[in-house]
N, C-alpha and C. Protein backbone atom coordinates (compact mmCIF):
# COMPACT_ATOMS: atom_id res chain seq x y z
N MET A 1 72.44 104.48 114.46
CA MET A 1 73.18 104.50 115.70
C MET A 1 72.94 103.17 116.40
N SER A 2 74.04 102.53 116.88
CA SER A 2 73.87 101.25 117.58
C SER A 2 74.35 101.40 119.02
N PHE A 3 73.68 100.69 119.86
CA PHE A 3 74.02 100.69 121.28
C PHE A 3 74.40 99.28 121.69
N GLN A 4 75.45 99.19 122.48
CA GLN A 4 75.81 97.88 123.02
C GLN A 4 75.29 97.81 124.44
N SER A 5 74.87 96.63 124.81
CA SER A 5 74.39 96.49 126.18
C SER A 5 75.58 96.47 127.13
N ALA A 6 75.33 96.94 128.34
CA ALA A 6 76.39 96.96 129.35
C ALA A 6 76.75 95.52 129.71
N PRO A 7 78.03 95.26 129.99
CA PRO A 7 78.42 93.91 130.38
C PRO A 7 77.72 93.51 131.66
N GLN A 8 77.48 92.22 131.80
CA GLN A 8 76.80 91.74 133.00
C GLN A 8 77.70 92.00 134.20
N ALA A 9 77.07 92.31 135.31
CA ALA A 9 77.84 92.58 136.53
C ALA A 9 78.59 91.33 136.94
N MET A 10 79.86 91.52 137.28
CA MET A 10 80.67 90.41 137.73
C MET A 10 80.45 90.20 139.22
N LYS A 11 80.61 88.98 139.66
CA LYS A 11 80.49 88.67 141.08
C LYS A 11 81.63 89.38 141.82
N PRO A 12 81.34 90.00 142.95
CA PRO A 12 82.41 90.70 143.69
C PRO A 12 83.56 89.76 144.01
N ILE A 13 84.77 90.28 143.91
CA ILE A 13 85.96 89.46 144.15
C ILE A 13 85.93 88.85 145.55
N ALA A 14 85.47 89.60 146.54
CA ALA A 14 85.45 89.11 147.91
C ALA A 14 84.65 87.83 148.04
N ASP A 15 83.67 87.62 147.18
CA ASP A 15 82.85 86.41 147.25
C ASP A 15 83.54 85.21 146.60
N THR A 16 84.57 85.44 145.80
CA THR A 16 85.19 84.34 145.08
C THR A 16 86.58 83.99 145.61
N LEU A 17 87.15 84.81 146.47
CA LEU A 17 88.49 84.56 147.00
C LEU A 17 88.42 83.94 148.39
N PRO A 18 89.38 83.07 148.72
CA PRO A 18 89.41 82.57 150.11
C PRO A 18 89.65 83.74 151.06
N THR A 19 89.05 83.68 152.22
CA THR A 19 89.18 84.75 153.21
C THR A 19 89.75 84.18 154.50
N TYR A 20 90.74 84.88 155.04
CA TYR A 20 91.39 84.46 156.27
C TYR A 20 91.38 85.61 157.26
N LEU A 21 91.19 85.31 158.52
CA LEU A 21 91.29 86.32 159.56
C LEU A 21 92.76 86.47 159.92
N ALA A 22 93.26 87.70 159.95
CA ALA A 22 94.67 87.94 160.26
C ALA A 22 95.04 87.35 161.62
N ASN A 23 94.15 87.44 162.58
CA ASN A 23 94.44 86.88 163.91
C ASN A 23 94.56 85.36 163.87
N ASP A 24 93.86 84.72 162.94
CA ASP A 24 94.02 83.27 162.79
C ASP A 24 95.39 82.94 162.20
N LEU A 25 95.83 83.75 161.24
CA LEU A 25 97.13 83.52 160.62
C LEU A 25 98.26 83.73 161.62
N THR A 26 98.11 84.68 162.52
CA THR A 26 99.15 84.97 163.50
C THR A 26 98.95 84.23 164.81
N LYS A 27 97.94 83.38 164.87
CA LYS A 27 97.59 82.63 166.09
C LYS A 27 97.48 83.55 167.29
N GLU A 28 96.74 84.63 167.09
CA GLU A 28 96.46 85.66 168.12
C GLU A 28 97.70 86.46 168.50
N GLY A 29 98.81 86.29 167.81
CA GLY A 29 99.99 87.12 168.04
C GLY A 29 99.95 88.31 167.10
N ASP A 30 101.14 88.81 166.74
CA ASP A 30 101.15 89.95 165.82
C ASP A 30 102.01 89.69 164.58
N GLN A 31 102.55 88.45 164.43
CA GLN A 31 103.36 88.15 163.26
C GLN A 31 103.13 86.72 162.79
N ALA A 32 103.33 86.53 161.48
CA ALA A 32 103.26 85.19 160.88
C ALA A 32 104.20 85.17 159.68
N HIS A 33 104.71 84.00 159.35
CA HIS A 33 105.51 83.83 158.14
C HIS A 33 104.62 83.27 157.05
N ILE A 34 104.81 83.76 155.85
CA ILE A 34 104.10 83.27 154.67
C ILE A 34 105.16 82.88 153.66
N VAL A 35 105.10 81.64 153.18
CA VAL A 35 106.09 81.13 152.23
C VAL A 35 105.47 81.07 150.85
N LEU A 36 106.19 81.62 149.87
CA LEU A 36 105.80 81.56 148.47
C LEU A 36 107.02 81.10 147.69
N GLY A 37 106.94 79.88 147.18
CA GLY A 37 108.10 79.31 146.49
C GLY A 37 109.24 79.17 147.47
N ASP A 38 110.38 79.77 147.16
CA ASP A 38 111.53 79.69 148.06
C ASP A 38 111.72 80.98 148.86
N GLN A 39 110.73 81.86 148.86
CA GLN A 39 110.80 83.12 149.60
C GLN A 39 109.89 83.07 150.83
N THR A 40 110.38 83.62 151.93
CA THR A 40 109.58 83.72 153.15
C THR A 40 109.30 85.18 153.43
N TYR A 41 108.05 85.49 153.66
CA TYR A 41 107.60 86.85 153.95
C TYR A 41 107.09 86.89 155.39
N THR A 42 107.15 88.07 155.99
CA THR A 42 106.62 88.25 157.34
C THR A 42 105.39 89.15 157.26
N LEU A 43 104.30 88.67 157.81
CA LEU A 43 103.07 89.44 157.93
C LEU A 43 103.02 89.96 159.36
N ARG A 44 102.86 91.27 159.51
CA ARG A 44 102.84 91.87 160.84
C ARG A 44 101.60 92.73 161.00
N ILE A 45 100.96 92.62 162.16
CA ILE A 45 99.84 93.48 162.52
C ILE A 45 100.41 94.58 163.40
N THR A 46 100.25 95.83 162.99
CA THR A 46 100.78 96.95 163.75
C THR A 46 99.87 97.29 164.93
N ARG A 47 100.38 98.14 165.82
CA ARG A 47 99.56 98.58 166.95
C ARG A 47 98.33 99.34 166.48
N ALA A 48 98.43 99.95 165.30
CA ALA A 48 97.30 100.70 164.74
C ALA A 48 96.30 99.79 164.02
N GLY A 49 96.58 98.48 163.98
CA GLY A 49 95.65 97.55 163.34
C GLY A 49 95.84 97.44 161.84
N LYS A 50 96.98 97.86 161.33
CA LYS A 50 97.28 97.76 159.89
C LYS A 50 98.11 96.51 159.65
N LEU A 51 98.12 96.06 158.41
CA LEU A 51 98.92 94.90 158.02
C LEU A 51 100.12 95.35 157.22
N ILE A 52 101.28 94.76 157.52
CA ILE A 52 102.49 95.02 156.77
C ILE A 52 103.06 93.67 156.34
N LEU A 53 103.36 93.53 155.05
CA LEU A 53 103.96 92.30 154.52
C LEU A 53 105.35 92.67 154.01
N THR A 54 106.38 92.04 154.58
CA THR A 54 107.77 92.32 154.20
C THR A 54 108.48 91.04 153.82
N LYS A 55 109.52 91.21 153.02
CA LYS A 55 110.32 90.08 152.57
C LYS A 55 111.40 89.79 153.58
């Protein structure tokens, strides 16, 4: 019977990705535009504190 060792733990994604505060993106407002290629998306912070990203 052979046993394989468990894979080494990967570094948490949160430690390797850039992090942005939503309020910084919206400049303390509740909406911001995000452009990806030739598409513009709207990021909105709801009254409940949730994020919505729409095309």
